[in-house]
Amino acid sequence: QAHMIDTMHIHSMGMSAGALQTTAVSFLKSTWIASVATYSGGIPAGYTAPASADPANKFAAMIFDGGATDDVFNVDFKAASEAYKAALDADGHFTAICDHNMGHSIPVDAAPSVVKFFADNGFGQWPSPYAAGGLPSGFPTYCMH
């Protein structure tokens, strides 16, 4: 109402349970989500991605996992992250997966890259500006498109 929200830049980010929530939000609220970053989230075994509220909005996603030791409460977050990437890739979204191999944690070295990713991938920005050339230089080397 006060026009203080840039509706072209509504993003979601979360860690662990918050990343599972971000995964769900990316589908269920895709009518306004610009891009997302998940840290140890995704689609766990036994679950399926919800239907996208707006299949035409091909939001971009940076998907972080902590490698083989990223397993908490019997959730294999590496596999869940890979399942999320596969679901988005199959639907034509731009995705980058970042296996930082530090277990169930947030890699602080990636923070500037996530900020840039959000700034560069606004709502309706499809294809992603990274689609042609991949991730910009300076992004963590463990991140791949």
C-alpha atoms as a PDB file:
ATOM      1  CA  GLN A   1       0.000   0.000   0.000  1.00  0.00           C
ATOM      2  CA  ALA A   2       2.897   2.351   0.708  1.00  0.00           C
ATOM      3  CA  HIS A   3       4.623   1.243  -2.533  1.00  0.00           C
ATOM      4  CA  MET A   4       7.823   0.447  -0.669  1.00  0.00           C
ATOM      5  CA  ILE A   5       8.222  -3.097  -2.032  1.00  0.00           C
ATOM      6  CA  ASP A   6       9.914  -3.727  -5.351  1.00  0.00           C
ATOM      7  CA  THR A   7       7.528  -6.335  -6.739  1.00  0.00           C
ATOM      8  CA  MET A   8      10.126  -7.299  -9.339  1.00  0.00           C
ATOM      9  CA  HIS A   9      12.432  -8.497  -6.549  1.00  0.00           C
ATOM     10  CA  ILE A  10      10.520 -10.736  -4.176  1.00  0.00           C
ATOM     11  CA  HIS A  11      12.842 -13.646  -3.436  1.00  0.00           C
ATOM     12  CA  SER A  12      12.853 -16.493  -0.934  1.00  0.00           C
ATOM     13  CA  MET A  13      15.779 -18.037   0.888  1.00  0.00           C
ATOM     14  CA  GLY A  14      15.998 -20.572   3.695  1.00  0.00           C
ATOM     15  CA  MET A  15      18.131 -23.112   5.505  1.00  0.00           C
ATOM     16  CA  SER A  16      17.043 -26.659   6.396  1.00  0.00           C
ATOM     17  CA  ALA A  17      13.335 -26.494   7.366  1.00  0.00           C
ATOM     18  CA  GLY A  18      13.328 -22.933   5.997  1.00  0.00           C
ATOM     19  CA  ALA A  19      14.777 -24.238   2.735  1.00  0.00           C
ATOM     20  CA  LEU A  20      12.066 -26.884   2.548  1.00  0.00           C
ATOM     21  CA  GLN A  21       9.586 -24.032   3.034  1.00  0.00           C
ATOM     22  CA  THR A  22      11.332 -22.009   0.300  1.00  0.00           C
ATOM     23  CA  THR A  23      11.075 -25.016  -2.012  1.00  0.00           C
ATOM     24  CA  ALA A  24       7.322 -25.186  -1.397  1.00  0.00           C
ATOM     25  CA  VAL A  25       6.936 -21.394  -1.735  1.00  0.00           C
ATOM     26  CA  SER A  26       8.745 -21.458  -5.068  1.00  0.00           C
ATOM     27  CA  PHE A  27       5.966 -23.614  -6.493  1.00  0.00           C
ATOM     28  CA  LEU A  28       2.933 -22.485  -4.509  1.00  0.00           C
ATOM     29  CA  LYS A  29       3.649 -18.747  -4.768  1.00  0.00           C
ATOM     30  CA  SER A  30       5.284 -18.725  -8.192  1.00  0.00           C
ATOM     31  CA  THR A  31       2.856 -15.984  -9.240  1.00  0.00           C
ATOM     32  CA  TRP A  32       5.145 -13.479  -7.513  1.00  0.00           C
ATOM     33  CA  ILE A  33       8.468 -15.162  -6.698  1.00  0.00           C
ATOM     34  CA  ALA A  34      11.484 -13.813  -8.628  1.00  0.00           C
ATOM     35  CA  SER A  35      14.175 -16.308  -7.600  1.00  0.00           C
ATOM     36  CA  VAL A  36      15.165 -18.510  -4.680  1.00  0.00           C
ATOM     37  CA  ALA A  37      18.165 -19.826  -2.787  1.00  0.00           C
ATOM     38  CA  THR A  38      17.924 -22.990  -0.724  1.00  0.00           C
ATOM     39  CA  TYR A  39      20.513 -24.198   1.773  1.00  0.00           C
ATOM     40  CA  SER A  40      19.945 -27.894   2.554  1.00  0.00           C
ATOM     41  CA  GLY A  41      16.394 -27.982   1.256  1.00  0.00           C
ATOM     42  CA  GLY A  42      14.728 -29.416  -1.816  1.00  0.00           C
ATOM     43  CA  ILE A  43      12.341 -32.296  -2.362  1.00  0.00           C
ATOM     44  CA  PRO A  44      13.017 -35.147   0.105  1.00  0.00           C
ATOM     45  CA  ALA A  45      12.533 -38.801  -0.846  1.00  0.00           C
ATOM     46  CA  GLY A  46       8.888 -39.809  -0.704  1.00  0.00           C
ATOM     47  CA  TYR A  47       7.604 -36.329  -1.574  1.00  0.00           C
ATOM     48  CA  THR A  48       6.699 -34.723  -4.872  1.00  0.00           C
ATOM     49  CA  ALA A  49       6.866 -31.100  -5.883  1.00  0.00           C
ATOM     50  CA  PRO A  50       3.538 -29.290  -5.602  1.00  0.00           C
ATOM     51  CA  ALA A  51       1.962 -27.958  -8.776  1.00  0.00           C
ATOM     52  CA  SER A  52       3.242 -24.557  -9.787  1.00  0.00           C
ATOM     53  CA  ALA A  53       0.757 -21.727  -9.255  1.00  0.00           C
ATOM     54  CA  ASP A  54       2.158 -20.008 -12.363  1.00  0.00           C
ATOM     55  CA  PRO A  55       3.934 -22.450 -14.688  1.00  0.00           C
ATOM     56  CA  ALA A  56       4.839 -19.568 -17.015  1.00  0.00           C
ATOM     57  CA  ASN A  57       7.061 -17.933 -14.352  1.00  0.00           C
ATOM     58  CA  LYS A  58      10.423 -19.624 -14.815  1.00  0.00           C
ATOM     59  CA  PHE A  59      12.090 -18.309 -11.640  1.00  0.00           C
ATOM     60  CA  ALA A  60      15.795 -19.018 -11.133  1.00  0.00           C
ATOM     61  CA  ALA A  61      17.166 -21.092  -8.242  1.00  0.00           C
ATOM     62  CA  MET A  62      20.519 -21.406  -6.465  1.00  0.00           C
ATOM     63  CA  ILE A  63      20.420 -24.740  -4.675  1.00  0.00           C
ATOM     64  CA  PHE A  64      23.030 -25.421  -1.970  1.00  0.00           C
ATOM     65  CA  ASP A  65      23.768 -28.747  -0.329  1.00  0.00           C
ATOM     66  CA  GLY A  66      26.494 -29.870   2.031  1.00  0.00           C
ATOM     67  CA  GLY A  67      27.481 -33.077   0.291  1.00  0.00           C
ATOM     68  CA  ALA A  68      27.374 -36.633   1.600  1.00  0.00           C
ATOM     69  CA  THR A  69      27.195 -35.574   5.277  1.00  0.00           C
ATOM     70  CA  ASP A  70      24.220 -33.246   4.755  1.00  0.00           C
ATOM     71  CA  ASP A  71      21.792 -35.632   6.426  1.00  0.00           C
ATOM     72  CA  VAL A  72      19.658 -34.448   9.359  1.00  0.00           C
ATOM     73  CA  PHE A  73      16.594 -36.133  10.895  1.00  0.00           C
ATOM     74  CA  ASN A  74      16.905 -38.862   8.235  1.00  0.00           C
ATOM     75  CA  VAL A  75      16.597 -36.361   5.392  1.00  0.00           C
ATOM     76  CA  ASP A  76      19.296 -36.690   2.749  1.00  0.00           C
ATOM     77  CA  PHE A  77      19.536 -33.028   1.771  1.00  0.00           C
ATOM     78  CA  LYS A  78      22.025 -33.687  -1.019  1.00  0.00           C
ATOM     79  CA  ALA A  79      19.514 -36.001  -2.725  1.00  0.00           C
ATOM     80  CA  ALA A  80      16.621 -33.633  -1.901  1.00  0.00           C
ATOM     81  CA  SER A  81      18.522 -30.726  -3.471  1.00  0.00           C
ATOM     82  CA  GLU A  82      19.298 -32.793  -6.567  1.00  0.00           C
ATOM     83  CA  ALA A  83      15.605 -33.752  -6.855  1.00  0.00           C
ATOM     84  CA  TYR A  84      14.590 -30.079  -6.647  1.00  0.00           C
ATOM     85  CA  LYS A  85      17.111 -29.163  -9.359  1.00  0.00           C
ATOM     86  CA  ALA A  86      15.881 -32.006 -11.583  1.00  0.00           C
ATOM     87  CA  ALA A  87      12.247 -30.917 -11.191  1.00  0.00           C
ATOM     88  CA  LEU A  88      13.071 -27.296 -12.046  1.00  0.00           C
ATOM     89  CA  ASP A  89      15.352 -28.245 -14.937  1.00  0.00           C
ATOM     90  CA  ALA A  90      12.623 -30.454 -16.417  1.00  0.00           C
ATOM     91  CA  ASP A  91      10.283 -27.455 -16.323  1.00  0.00           C
ATOM     92  CA  GLY A  92      12.741 -25.054 -18.003  1.00  0.00           C
ATOM     93  CA  HIS A  93      13.985 -23.013 -15.021  1.00  0.00           C
ATOM     94  CA  PHE A  94      17.563 -21.788 -14.667  1.00  0.00           C
ATOM     95  CA  THR A  95      19.237 -23.644 -11.805  1.00  0.00           C
ATOM     96  CA  ALA A  96      22.648 -23.773 -10.238  1.00  0.00           C
ATOM     97  CA  ILE A  97      23.578 -26.449  -7.732  1.00  0.00           C
ATOM     98  CA  CYS A  98      26.269 -25.708  -5.195  1.00  0.00           C
ATOM     99  CA  ASP A  99      27.701 -28.664  -3.257  1.00  0.00           C
ATOM    100  CA  HIS A 100      29.910 -26.913  -0.675  1.00  0.00           C
ATOM    101  CA  ASN A 101      30.693 -30.256   1.041  1.00  0.00           C
ATOM    102  CA  MET A 102      30.525 -28.765   4.567  1.00  0.00           C
ATOM    103  CA  GLY A 103      27.582 -30.762   5.872  1.00  0.00           C
ATOM    104  CA  HIS A 104      24.418 -29.143   7.179  1.00  0.00           C
ATOM    105  CA  SER A 105      25.629 -25.536   7.165  1.00  0.00           C
ATOM    106  CA  ILE A 106      25.491 -22.268   5.241  1.00  0.00           C
ATOM    107  CA  PRO A 107      28.635 -21.426   3.249  1.00  0.00           C
ATOM    108  CA  VAL A 108      29.221 -17.766   4.112  1.00  0.00           C
ATOM    109  CA  ASP A 109      31.618 -17.327   1.209  1.00  0.00           C
ATOM    110  CA  ALA A 110      28.607 -17.584  -1.138  1.00  0.00           C
ATOM    111  CA  ALA A 111      26.646 -14.674   0.388  1.00  0.00           C
ATOM    112  CA  PRO A 112      27.796 -12.026  -2.143  1.00  0.00           C
ATOM    113  CA  SER A 113      26.971 -14.399  -5.007  1.00  0.00           C
ATOM    114  CA  VAL A 114      23.452 -15.018  -3.698  1.00  0.00           C
ATOM    115  CA  VAL A 115      22.869 -11.253  -3.408  1.00  0.00           C
ATOM    116  CA  LYS A 116      24.052 -10.814  -7.015  1.00  0.00           C
ATOM    117  CA  PHE A 117      21.942 -13.785  -8.134  1.00  0.00           C
ATOM    118  CA  PHE A 118      18.837 -12.185  -6.611  1.00  0.00           C
ATOM    119  CA  ALA A 119      19.632  -8.770  -8.115  1.00  0.00           C
ATOM    120  CA  ASP A 120      20.207 -10.232 -11.580  1.00  0.00           C
ATOM    121  CA  ASN A 121      17.203 -12.590 -11.603  1.00  0.00           C
ATOM    122  CA  GLY A 122      14.169 -10.391 -11.105  1.00  0.00           C
ATOM    123  CA  PHE A 123      10.557 -11.431 -11.574  1.00  0.00           C
ATOM    124  CA  GLY A 124       9.806 -12.465 -15.149  1.00  0.00           C
ATOM    125  CA  GLN A 125      13.518 -12.356 -16.058  1.00  0.00           C
ATOM    126  CA  TRP A 126      13.439 -15.350 -18.359  1.00  0.00           C
ATOM    127  CA  PRO A 127      15.586 -16.647 -19.670  1.00  0.00           C
ATOM    128  CA  SER A 128      17.916 -15.909 -16.803  1.00  0.00           C
ATOM    129  CA  PRO A 129      20.773 -13.576 -17.729  1.00  0.00           C
ATOM    130  CA  TYR A 130      23.002 -16.516 -16.774  1.00  0.00           C
ATOM    131  CA  ALA A 131      21.392 -18.945 -19.221  1.00  0.00           C
ATOM    132  CA  ALA A 132      23.755 -18.212 -22.096  1.00  0.00           C
ATOM    133  CA  GLY A 133      27.064 -17.781 -20.301  1.00  0.00           C
ATOM    134  CA  GLY A 134      26.568 -19.630 -17.023  1.00  0.00           C
ATOM    135  CA  LEU A 135      27.338 -18.265 -13.598  1.00  0.00           C
ATOM    136  CA  PRO A 136      29.409 -15.071 -13.473  1.00  0.00           C
ATOM    137  CA  SER A 137      33.046 -15.129 -12.443  1.00  0.00           C
ATOM    138  CA  GLY A 138      33.463 -14.725  -8.721  1.00  0.00           C
ATOM    139  CA  PHE A 139      30.721 -17.208  -7.881  1.00  0.00           C
ATOM    140  CA  PRO A 140      31.944 -20.164  -5.788  1.00  0.00           C
ATOM    141  CA  THR A 141      33.744 -22.771  -7.846  1.00  0.00           C
ATOM    142  CA  TYR A 142      31.582 -25.474  -6.274  1.00  0.00           C
ATOM    143  CA  CYS A 143      28.487 -23.991  -7.971  1.00  0.00           C
ATOM    144  CA  MET A 144      27.531 -25.438 -11.364  1.00  0.00           C
ATOM    145  CA  HIS A 145      24.731 -24.781 -13.810  1.00  0.00           C
END
